[in-house]
């Protein structure tokens, strides 16, 4: 069956040619104009020797050039390799070599980094150019063909390239747009998430353009800046990670103007503390839908929905997919556990990737008996709702007892003086591991680490409360807003 991710934009351009597709600062690009830009750039790529199946890397900021280049490569029949914008030149060069990229497209402040990495890898750097005659039609692709190669964060060893197919991405964008968020051409979606990341790329960009909605881009997220965009652009749907929800809530509390058009907020990428969800909903008068997924699942896998949500969970499997909990200690086969037991979250369905590029061993370890092993620990209730307990690698074993950092974080997040908190395990000679809470206090909060330990002792079991509290000015964050636990452990040690 023929299917291309490029048809997401093509079909919306046919239906809504005059509507705004992308807002990039003061520039508004209509669907018709964006599609013509894409076809012209696709023709230039073909003229430069890019053939169907070739891989083309993108090192671009969150501007209108990203969707131009992304859909142009796909329209020409190529495979997109988005590159993490905070990598150093050596790391970018690794991605270029490993993916076999034929060229690297870059623009703006990232061009010097692109030039250095491309020279190292021996590939050409191209700029986005939308002049000349357009490509006559989209190059046909099969739904099982690779559309995008997304590189994982590489917390151990070199990053792996996850192969996402046209079928993976078109279905994920369609389910997000129609089943989960009920997007319409009247919606305005604020895209603060980096577009090289799966959440921003699929749930924000692809889903918004699939529905004919307007996508407002935010090159650099700050709480006050995003709050102003929500009001100025009359945003109806916000998508972000928990640290962004914290920043927006704080910006509003500091005197920012509350937007009046926001109807829904979508959270993913990391666990959203229920206390923060409640504060955001109260402050913004908008429902928050928390979901769950990974790069390898395109990414949406489970989601709460307006008529069927339960804060503290990540909802049920999205349409056409399954989620279950399996024995985390059985590696060569999947042994599903009964309802209510904690185990490794496993997923299967149209959203599961086609494997890791040139790494059959890693693919075989990740996809077992047709199920994708996520590495996350979770539990399902009798109605199929999934709760993420923690990453397997983040589990703390203190004195022989399992302690899940998220449970401790949820409790500490309700302390009136704590603005942000993350919990990690530190090596301890007596207990094996000790529980450490890294805390960012609210301005002028008087609490000491000892005060917080005493407060936690009254609310958590003896094996769960943190014996170590570190007061930090800020938590270390990645470009998508996730807390970097490895760096946090180093800061707390």
Protein backbone atom coordinates (compact mmCIF):
# COMPACT_ATOMS: atom_id res chain seq x y z
CA UNK A 1 0.00 0.00 0.00
CA UNK A 2 1.39 3.37 -1.03
CA UNK A 3 1.50 6.04 1.66
CA UNK A 4 3.74 9.04 2.30
CA UNK A 5 4.04 11.35 5.31
CA UNK A 6 4.19 14.18 2.75
CA UNK A 7 0.47 13.62 2.05
CA UNK A 8 -0.27 15.02 5.53
CA UNK A 9 0.63 18.48 4.26
CA UNK A 10 -0.52 17.94 0.66
CA UNK A 11 -4.09 17.03 1.62
CA UNK A 12 -4.44 19.95 4.03
CA UNK A 13 -3.07 22.31 1.36
CA UNK A 14 -5.78 21.09 -1.03
CA UNK A 15 -8.53 21.52 1.57
CA UNK A 16 -7.34 24.71 3.26
CA UNK A 17 -4.98 26.57 0.89
CA UNK A 18 -5.65 30.03 2.34
CA UNK A 19 -5.55 29.09 6.03
CA UNK A 20 -2.48 29.72 8.15
CA UNK A 21 -0.31 26.62 8.51
CA UNK A 22 2.70 27.97 10.41
CA UNK A 23 3.31 31.08 12.50
CA UNK A 24 7.00 31.92 12.80
CA UNK A 25 7.40 35.21 14.66
CA UNK A 26 5.83 37.90 12.50
CA UNK A 27 5.66 35.57 9.48
CA UNK A 28 2.48 33.65 8.67
CA UNK A 29 2.69 30.94 6.03
CA UNK A 30 -0.51 29.60 4.49
CA UNK A 31 -1.03 25.94 3.65
CA UNK A 32 -0.98 26.69 -0.07
CA UNK A 33 2.26 28.69 0.16
CA UNK A 34 3.95 26.14 2.44
CA UNK A 35 3.13 23.29 0.07
CA UNK A 36 4.52 25.20 -2.92
CA UNK A 37 7.68 25.95 -0.92
CA UNK A 38 7.98 22.23 -0.16
CA UNK A 39 7.56 21.18 -3.80
CA UNK A 40 10.10 23.75 -5.02
CA UNK A 41 12.66 22.69 -2.45
CA UNK A 42 11.96 19.01 -3.23
CA UNK A 43 12.72 19.73 -6.90
CA UNK A 44 16.02 21.38 -5.92
CA UNK A 45 16.92 18.36 -3.80
CA UNK A 46 16.31 16.08 -6.77
CA UNK A 47 18.42 18.38 -8.94
CA UNK A 48 21.22 18.05 -6.36
CA UNK A 49 21.14 14.27 -6.77
CA UNK A 50 18.87 13.24 -3.90
CA UNK A 51 17.07 10.10 -5.04
CA UNK A 52 14.17 8.15 -3.52
CA UNK A 53 15.41 6.27 -0.49
CA UNK A 54 18.36 8.60 0.14
CA UNK A 55 18.81 9.88 3.69
CA UNK A 56 18.98 13.62 4.30
CA UNK A 57 19.79 15.07 7.72
CA UNK A 58 18.21 18.23 9.18
CA UNK A 59 19.97 20.47 11.69
CA UNK A 60 17.44 23.27 11.98
CA UNK A 61 15.90 25.46 14.70
CA UNK A 62 12.16 25.67 15.39
CA UNK A 63 11.34 27.91 12.44
CA UNK A 64 9.25 27.52 9.31
CA UNK A 65 12.32 26.11 7.56
CA UNK A 66 11.94 22.89 9.54
CA UNK A 67 8.57 21.85 8.04
CA UNK A 68 9.72 23.14 4.63
CA UNK A 69 12.78 20.89 4.68
CA UNK A 70 11.10 17.95 6.44
CA UNK A 71 8.24 17.62 3.97
CA UNK A 72 10.47 18.44 0.98
CA UNK A 73 12.76 15.50 1.70
CA UNK A 74 9.72 13.24 2.08
CA UNK A 75 8.06 14.60 -1.07
CA UNK A 76 11.25 13.82 -3.00
CA UNK A 77 11.06 10.24 -1.70
CA UNK A 78 13.93 10.60 0.77
CA UNK A 79 14.29 9.68 4.43
CA UNK A 80 14.58 12.47 7.02
CA UNK A 81 17.27 12.27 9.72
CA UNK A 82 16.52 15.02 12.29
CA UNK A 83 19.64 15.94 14.27
CA UNK A 84 19.60 16.98 17.92
CA UNK A 85 20.37 20.71 17.98
CA UNK A 86 22.47 20.62 21.17
CA UNK A 87 25.02 18.06 19.98
CA UNK A 88 28.63 19.01 19.39
CA UNK A 89 30.19 18.70 15.94
CA UNK A 90 31.74 15.28 16.62
CA UNK A 91 28.34 13.89 17.69
CA UNK A 92 26.58 15.37 14.66
CA UNK A 93 29.24 13.86 12.41
CA UNK A 94 28.60 10.45 14.01
CA UNK A 95 24.89 10.69 13.15
CA UNK A 96 25.72 11.71 9.58
CA UNK A 97 28.12 8.81 9.09
CA UNK A 98 26.02 6.20 10.87
CA UNK A 99 22.84 7.13 8.99
CA UNK A 100 24.60 7.32 5.65
CA UNK A 101 23.18 10.81 5.07
CA UNK A 102 23.74 12.17 1.56
CA UNK A 103 23.42 15.79 2.69
CA UNK A 104 22.79 17.99 5.72
CA UNK A 105 20.24 20.82 5.59
CA UNK A 106 20.86 23.67 8.02
CA UNK A 107 20.07 27.32 8.58
CA UNK A 108 20.54 30.26 10.94
CA UNK A 109 22.64 29.92 14.09
CA UNK A 110 23.25 26.19 13.48
CA UNK A 111 25.05 26.62 10.15
CA UNK A 112 28.56 26.86 11.59
CA UNK A 113 28.04 23.65 13.60
CA UNK A 114 26.60 21.99 10.49
CA UNK A 115 29.58 23.03 8.37
CA UNK A 116 32.11 21.60 10.85
CA UNK A 117 30.24 18.30 11.27
CA UNK A 118 29.55 17.89 7.56
CA UNK A 119 33.20 18.48 6.68
CA UNK A 120 34.16 15.77 9.17
CA UNK A 121 31.61 13.33 7.73
CA UNK A 122 32.26 14.26 4.09
CA UNK A 123 28.73 15.42 3.17
CA UNK A 124 27.39 18.61 1.62
CA UNK A 125 25.53 21.29 3.59
CA UNK A 126 22.40 22.63 1.88
CA UNK A 127 20.28 25.65 2.68
CA UNK A 128 16.51 25.71 2.40
CA UNK A 129 15.73 27.19 -1.02
CA UNK A 130 12.19 27.46 -2.37
CA UNK A 131 12.81 28.95 -5.79
CA UNK A 132 12.36 27.53 -9.26
CA UNK A 133 9.88 25.04 -10.65
CA UNK A 134 8.09 22.76 -8.18
CA UNK A 135 8.28 18.99 -8.14
CA UNK A 136 5.36 17.72 -10.22
CA UNK A 137 4.10 15.21 -7.66
CA UNK A 138 5.03 13.46 -4.44
CA UNK A 139 7.29 10.46 -4.92
CA UNK A 140 5.21 7.38 -4.02
CA UNK A 141 6.37 5.35 -1.04
CA UNK A 142 5.14 2.16 0.59
CA UNK A 143 3.74 2.40 4.10
CA UNK A 144 6.50 0.10 5.35
CA UNK A 145 9.28 2.26 3.89
CA UNK A 146 11.37 4.25 6.35
CA UNK A 147 10.27 7.89 6.52
CA UNK A 148 12.34 9.19 9.46
CA UNK A 149 15.36 7.97 11.41
CA UNK A 150 15.29 9.38 14.93
CA UNK A 151 18.38 8.92 17.05
CA UNK A 152 17.85 7.98 20.69
CA UNK A 153 19.59 9.90 23.44
CA UNK A 154 22.35 7.33 23.82
CA UNK A 155 22.52 7.26 27.62
CA UNK A 156 24.72 4.16 27.28
CA UNK A 157 27.12 3.91 24.35
CA UNK A 158 26.44 5.53 21.00
CA UNK A 159 22.89 6.60 20.09
CA UNK A 160 20.79 4.22 18.03
CA UNK A 161 18.80 5.18 14.95
CA UNK A 162 15.12 4.22 15.32
CA UNK A 163 13.48 3.50 11.96
CA UNK A 164 9.99 5.02 11.76
CA UNK A 165 7.92 4.15 8.73
CA UNK A 166 5.46 6.21 6.72
CA UNK A 167 2.69 4.03 8.16
CA UNK A 168 3.92 4.61 11.73
CA UNK A 169 3.92 8.40 11.40
CA UNK A 170 0.79 8.94 9.31
CA UNK A 171 -1.31 6.79 11.65
CA UNK A 172 0.18 8.37 14.78
CA UNK A 173 -0.50 11.89 13.51
CA UNK A 174 -4.03 10.92 12.45
CA UNK A 175 -4.90 9.29 15.78
CA UNK A 176 -3.49 12.27 17.69
CA UNK A 177 -5.33 14.81 15.55
CA UNK A 178 -8.67 13.04 15.37
CA UNK A 179 -9.10 10.57 18.23
CA UNK A 180 -7.09 12.17 21.02
CA UNK A 181 -7.12 15.95 20.57
CA UNK A 182 -10.10 16.43 18.23
CA UNK A 183 -8.18 19.10 16.32
CA UNK A 184 -10.00 21.18 13.70
CA UNK A 185 -8.87 23.88 11.24
CA UNK A 186 -9.97 26.44 13.84
CA UNK A 187 -7.41 25.24 16.37
CA UNK A 188 -4.12 26.99 17.07
CA UNK A 189 -1.39 24.72 18.45
CA UNK A 190 1.63 26.12 20.29
CA UNK A 191 4.71 24.11 19.34
CA UNK A 192 7.34 24.83 22.01
CA UNK A 193 8.81 21.35 21.75
CA UNK A 194 11.88 20.92 19.53
CA UNK A 195 10.83 19.61 16.14
CA UNK A 196 13.80 17.24 15.95
CA UNK A 197 12.20 15.41 18.91
CA UNK A 198 9.44 12.85 18.33
CA UNK A 199 6.87 14.58 20.60
CA UNK A 200 7.19 17.95 18.88
CA UNK A 201 7.52 16.46 15.42
CA UNK A 202 4.65 13.96 15.46
CA UNK A 203 2.16 15.11 18.11
CA UNK A 204 2.52 18.86 17.47
CA UNK A 205 3.69 19.45 13.88
CA UNK A 206 2.34 16.44 12.01
CA UNK A 207 -0.92 16.26 13.99
CA UNK A 208 -1.61 20.00 13.65
CA UNK A 209 -0.96 19.99 9.90
CA UNK A 210 -2.97 16.76 9.49
CA UNK A 211 -5.98 18.62 10.92
CA UNK A 212 -5.45 21.84 8.99
CA UNK A 213 -4.79 23.71 12.24
CA UNK A 214 -2.27 26.53 12.71
CA UNK A 215 1.10 25.64 14.27
CA UNK A 216 2.75 28.46 16.26
CA UNK A 217 6.49 27.89 16.55
CA UNK A 218 8.58 28.90 19.54
CA UNK A 219 12.33 28.75 18.79
CA UNK A 220 13.34 29.11 22.43
CA UNK A 221 11.01 28.32 25.32
CA UNK A 222 10.69 30.55 28.37
CA UNK A 223 7.70 30.70 30.69
CA UNK A 224 6.96 34.41 30.14
CA UNK A 225 7.58 34.17 26.39
CA UNK A 226 5.32 31.15 25.92
CA UNK A 227 2.64 32.74 28.13
CA UNK A 228 2.67 35.83 25.91
CA UNK A 229 2.37 33.67 22.76
CA UNK A 230 -0.62 31.82 24.23
CA UNK A 231 -2.47 35.13 24.56
CA UNK A 232 -1.20 36.93 21.45
CA UNK A 233 -1.86 34.06 19.03
CA UNK A 234 -5.10 32.95 20.73
CA UNK A 235 -3.73 29.45 21.19
CA UNK A 236 -6.30 26.71 21.82
CA UNK A 237 -3.99 23.71 22.40
CA UNK A 238 -0.65 23.74 24.22
CA UNK A 239 1.76 20.80 24.08
CA UNK A 240 4.70 20.52 26.43
CA UNK A 241 6.68 18.58 29.00
CA UNK A 242 6.23 18.97 32.78
CA UNK A 243 8.99 21.55 33.22
CA UNK A 244 7.14 23.78 30.74
CA UNK A 245 3.94 23.48 32.76
CA UNK A 246 5.86 24.57 35.83
CA UNK A 247 7.36 27.56 33.99
CA UNK A 248 3.99 28.67 32.60
CA UNK A 249 2.29 28.41 35.98
CA UNK A 250 5.06 30.41 37.62
CA UNK A 251 4.94 33.06 34.85
CA UNK A 252 1.18 33.46 35.30
CA UNK A 253 1.60 33.73 39.05
CA UNK A 254 4.20 36.45 38.57
CA UNK A 255 1.66 38.69 36.90
CA UNK A 256 1.40 37.37 33.36
CA UNK A 257 -1.84 37.64 31.39
CA UNK A 258 -3.99 34.51 31.45
CA UNK A 259 -4.95 33.37 27.94
CA UNK A 260 -8.68 33.12 27.32
CA UNK A 261 -8.76 30.72 24.36
CA UNK A 262 -6.86 27.71 25.72
CA UNK A 263 -9.11 24.65 25.76
CA UNK A 264 -6.61 21.82 26.18
CA UNK A 265 -3.06 21.13 27.23
CA UNK A 266 -1.16 17.97 26.33
CA UNK A 267 1.67 16.65 28.49
CA UNK A 268 4.21 13.96 27.68
CA UNK A 269 7.90 13.20 27.68
CA UNK A 270 8.07 12.66 31.46
CA UNK A 271 5.75 12.12 34.41
CA UNK A 272 3.58 15.14 35.23
CA UNK A 273 3.12 15.43 39.02
CA UNK A 274 -0.59 15.48 39.87
CA UNK A 275 -0.05 18.53 42.08
CA UNK A 276 1.37 20.46 39.12
CA UNK A 277 -1.45 19.27 36.85
CA UNK A 278 -4.00 20.54 39.37
CA UNK A 279 -2.24 23.91 39.72
CA UNK A 280 -2.08 24.39 35.96
CA UNK A 281 -5.73 23.47 35.41
CA UNK A 282 -6.84 25.83 38.16
CA UNK A 283 -4.67 28.67 36.89
CA UNK A 284 -5.45 28.31 33.18
CA UNK A 285 -8.97 26.87 33.30
CA UNK A 286 -8.01 24.22 30.74
CA UNK A 287 -8.03 20.44 30.88
CA UNK A 288 -4.64 18.67 30.85
CA UNK A 289 -4.33 15.35 29.00
CA UNK A 290 -1.28 13.32 29.94
CA UNK A 291 0.00 10.66 27.58
CA UNK A 292 2.88 8.27 27.22
CA UNK A 293 5.13 7.09 24.45
CA UNK A 294 8.68 6.73 23.22
CA UNK A 295 10.67 7.52 20.11
CA UNK A 296 10.23 3.89 19.09
CA UNK A 297 6.42 4.19 19.28
CA UNK A 298 6.10 7.16 16.91
CA UNK A 299 5.64 8.37 19.81
CA UNK A 300 2.05 8.31 21.19
CA UNK A 301 1.18 4.97 22.81
CA UNK A 302 -1.36 5.63 25.59
CA UNK A 303 -3.37 8.74 26.41
CA UNK A 304 -5.98 10.20 28.66
CA UNK A 305 -8.93 11.71 26.81
CA UNK A 306 -11.34 14.45 27.93
CA UNK A 307 -14.30 12.13 28.52
CA UNK A 308 -12.20 9.37 30.07
CA UNK A 309 -9.24 10.63 32.04
CA UNK A 310 -7.72 9.92 35.40
CA UNK A 311 -4.91 12.23 36.58
CA UNK A 312 -1.91 10.27 37.77
CA UNK A 313 -2.28 7.77 34.93
CA UNK A 314 -1.28 8.02 31.26
CA UNK A 315 -4.61 6.63 30.11
CA UNK A 316 -5.47 3.77 27.81
CA UNK A 317 -3.77 2.54 24.62
CA UNK A 318 -4.43 4.72 21.57
CA UNK A 319 -6.63 3.40 18.76
CA UNK A 320 -5.21 0.29 17.07
CA UNK A 321 -2.58 -0.50 19.70
CA UNK A 322 -2.16 -2.58 22.85
CA UNK A 323 -0.37 -2.01 26.14
CA UNK A 324 0.40 -4.59 28.81
CA UNK A 325 2.70 -5.20 31.78
CA UNK A 326 5.24 -8.03 31.62
CA UNK A 327 7.76 -9.73 33.89
CA UNK A 328 10.77 -7.41 33.78
CA UNK A 329 13.17 -10.24 34.64
CA UNK A 330 12.36 -12.47 31.65
CA UNK A 331 14.38 -11.23 28.70
CA UNK A 332 13.92 -13.88 25.97
CA UNK A 333 10.11 -13.99 26.04
CA UNK A 334 7.14 -11.94 27.16
CA UNK A 335 5.36 -13.14 30.30
CA UNK A 336 2.34 -10.91 30.91
CA UNK A 337 1.44 -10.14 34.52
CA UNK A 338 -2.03 -9.93 36.11
CA UNK A 339 -3.82 -6.62 36.55
CA UNK A 340 -2.42 -4.57 39.41
CA UNK A 341 1.10 -6.02 39.38
CA UNK A 342 4.14 -3.84 38.65
CA UNK A 343 6.26 -4.89 35.70
CA UNK A 344 7.80 -3.70 32.45
CA UNK A 345 5.46 -1.84 30.10
CA UNK A 346 5.23 -3.55 26.70
CA UNK A 347 3.48 -2.19 23.61
CA UNK A 348 2.41 -3.43 20.20
CA UNK A 349 0.50 -2.05 17.24
CA UNK A 350 0.86 0.23 14.24
CA UNK A 351 2.98 2.69 16.23
CA UNK A 352 5.91 0.34 16.91
CA UNK A 353 9.02 1.16 14.89
CA UNK A 354 10.68 -1.08 12.30
CA UNK A 355 13.88 -1.57 14.32
CA UNK A 356 17.25 0.06 14.90
CA UNK A 357 19.40 0.99 11.92
CA UNK A 358 22.09 -1.65 11.28
CA UNK A 359 21.65 -3.11 14.79
CA UNK A 360 19.75 -6.42 14.64
CA UNK A 361 20.91 -7.37 18.13
CA UNK A 362 19.39 -4.27 19.74
CA UNK A 363 16.24 -4.72 17.65
CA UNK A 364 15.84 -8.34 18.76
CA UNK A 365 16.30 -7.34 22.40
CA UNK A 366 13.74 -4.54 22.12
CA UNK A 367 10.99 -6.36 20.18
CA UNK A 368 10.17 -9.76 21.69
CA UNK A 369 7.21 -11.91 20.68
CA UNK A 370 5.84 -8.92 18.76
CA UNK A 371 5.91 -6.66 21.84
CA UNK A 372 8.19 -3.63 22.23
CA UNK A 373 9.92 -3.61 25.61
CA UNK A 374 9.93 -0.02 26.84
CA UNK A 375 12.28 -0.25 29.82
CA UNK A 376 9.62 1.51 31.91
CA UNK A 377 7.94 0.04 34.97
CA UNK A 378 4.18 0.39 35.16
CA UNK A 379 0.91 -1.04 36.37
CA UNK A 380 -2.54 -1.32 34.76
CA UNK A 381 -5.87 -1.05 36.51
CA UNK A 382 -8.91 -3.19 35.79
CA UNK A 383 -10.09 -0.71 33.13
CA UNK A 384 -6.81 -0.81 31.22
CA UNK A 385 -5.44 2.54 32.37
CA UNK A 386 -1.69 2.58 32.62
CA UNK A 387 0.34 4.23 35.38
CA UNK A 388 4.07 4.65 34.88
CA UNK A 389 5.92 3.84 38.06
CA UNK A 390 9.45 4.62 36.84
CA UNK A 391 12.24 3.67 34.48
CA UNK A 392 13.76 0.29 35.30
CA UNK A 393 17.16 1.96 35.45
CA UNK A 394 15.87 4.63 37.89
CA UNK A 395 14.50 2.14 40.42
CA UNK A 396 16.15 2.66 43.83
CA UNK A 397 16.84 -0.39 45.99
CA UNK A 398 17.40 0.78 49.56
CA UNK A 399 18.19 -1.90 52.09
CA UNK A 400 16.56 -4.52 49.89
CA UNK A 401 13.33 -2.54 49.43
CA UNK A 402 12.24 -1.22 46.02
CA UNK A 403 11.60 2.53 46.01
CA UNK A 404 10.08 4.20 42.95
CA UNK A 405 11.33 7.80 42.59
CA UNK A 406 8.07 8.98 41.05
CA UNK A 407 6.09 8.08 44.18
CA UNK A 408 8.48 10.13 46.32
CA UNK A 409 8.40 13.00 43.80
CA UNK A 410 4.59 13.07 43.78
CA UNK A 411 4.57 13.45 47.57
CA UNK A 412 7.26 16.12 47.72
CA UNK A 413 5.63 18.09 44.89
CA UNK A 414 2.78 18.87 47.31
CA UNK A 415 5.09 20.68 49.73
CA UNK A 416 4.00 24.34 49.53
CA UNK A 417 7.59 25.62 49.32
CA UNK A 418 8.85 23.20 46.64
CA UNK A 419 8.73 24.47 43.06
CA UNK A 420 10.40 21.46 41.44
CA UNK A 421 11.77 18.15 42.64
CA UNK A 422 13.49 15.09 41.22
CA UNK A 423 14.56 11.99 43.13
CA UNK A 424 17.58 9.80 42.43
CA UNK A 425 19.49 7.03 44.16
CA UNK A 426 23.01 7.56 45.48
CA UNK A 427 25.47 4.77 46.25
CA UNK A 428 25.56 3.95 49.96
CA UNK A 429 27.83 1.43 51.70
CA UNK A 430 25.26 0.40 54.31
CA UNK A 431 21.96 0.45 52.38
CA UNK A 432 23.23 -0.12 48.85
CA UNK A 433 21.48 3.03 47.71
CA UNK A 434 20.21 6.07 49.54
CA UNK A 435 17.30 8.25 48.43
CA UNK A 436 18.23 11.79 47.44
CA UNK A 437 15.74 14.55 46.61
CA UNK A 438 17.02 17.41 44.47
CA UNK A 439 14.78 20.37 45.25
CA UNK A 440 14.23 23.81 43.75
CA UNK A 441 12.48 25.99 46.33
CA UNK A 442 10.00 28.76 45.61
CA UNK A 443 11.37 32.31 45.97
CA UNK A 444 11.99 33.31 49.60
CA UNK A 445 11.01 29.88 50.93
CA UNK A 446 12.66 29.41 54.35
CA UNK A 447 12.92 25.61 54.40
CA UNK A 448 16.21 23.85 55.05
CA UNK A 449 17.04 20.32 53.86
CA UNK A 450 16.33 19.07 57.38
CA UNK A 451 12.86 20.68 57.30
CA UNK A 452 12.03 18.88 54.06
CA UNK A 453 13.32 15.54 55.37
CA UNK A 454 11.14 15.91 58.48
CA UNK A 455 8.10 16.81 56.35
CA UNK A 456 8.66 13.80 54.08
CA UNK A 457 9.18 11.44 57.04
CA UNK A 458 5.61 12.13 58.17
CA UNK A 459 4.14 11.29 54.75
CA UNK A 460 6.21 8.43 53.38
CA UNK A 461 7.11 4.96 54.62
CA UNK A 462 10.35 4.52 56.54
CA UNK A 463 12.05 2.96 53.50
CA UNK A 464 10.82 5.68 51.12
CA UNK A 465 11.48 9.11 52.54
CA UNK A 466 14.70 10.86 51.40
CA UNK A 467 17.55 10.96 53.89
CA UNK A 468 19.43 13.38 51.61
CA UNK A 469 18.04 16.66 50.23
CA UNK A 470 20.04 18.91 47.92
CA UNK A 471 18.81 22.47 47.32
CA UNK A 472 19.54 23.52 43.73
CA UNK A 473 18.95 26.71 41.81
CA UNK A 474 17.64 24.72 38.83
CA UNK A 475 17.33 21.11 37.67
CA UNK A 476 19.49 20.03 34.71
CA UNK A 477 17.28 19.82 31.62
CA UNK A 478 17.68 18.44 28.11
CA UNK A 479 16.48 20.37 25.02
CA UNK A 480 13.02 18.80 25.20
CA UNK A 481 12.65 19.85 28.84
CA UNK A 482 13.28 16.44 30.37
CA UNK A 483 15.21 16.27 33.63
CA UNK A 484 18.65 14.73 33.03
CA UNK A 485 18.89 12.20 35.84
CA UNK A 486 22.45 11.18 35.10
CA UNK A 487 23.65 14.77 35.48
CA UNK A 488 21.45 15.15 38.55
CA UNK A 489 23.11 12.17 40.23
CA UNK A 490 26.50 13.77 39.62
CA UNK A 491 25.29 17.07 41.07
CA UNK A 492 23.87 15.37 44.14
CA UNK A 493 26.76 13.00 44.83
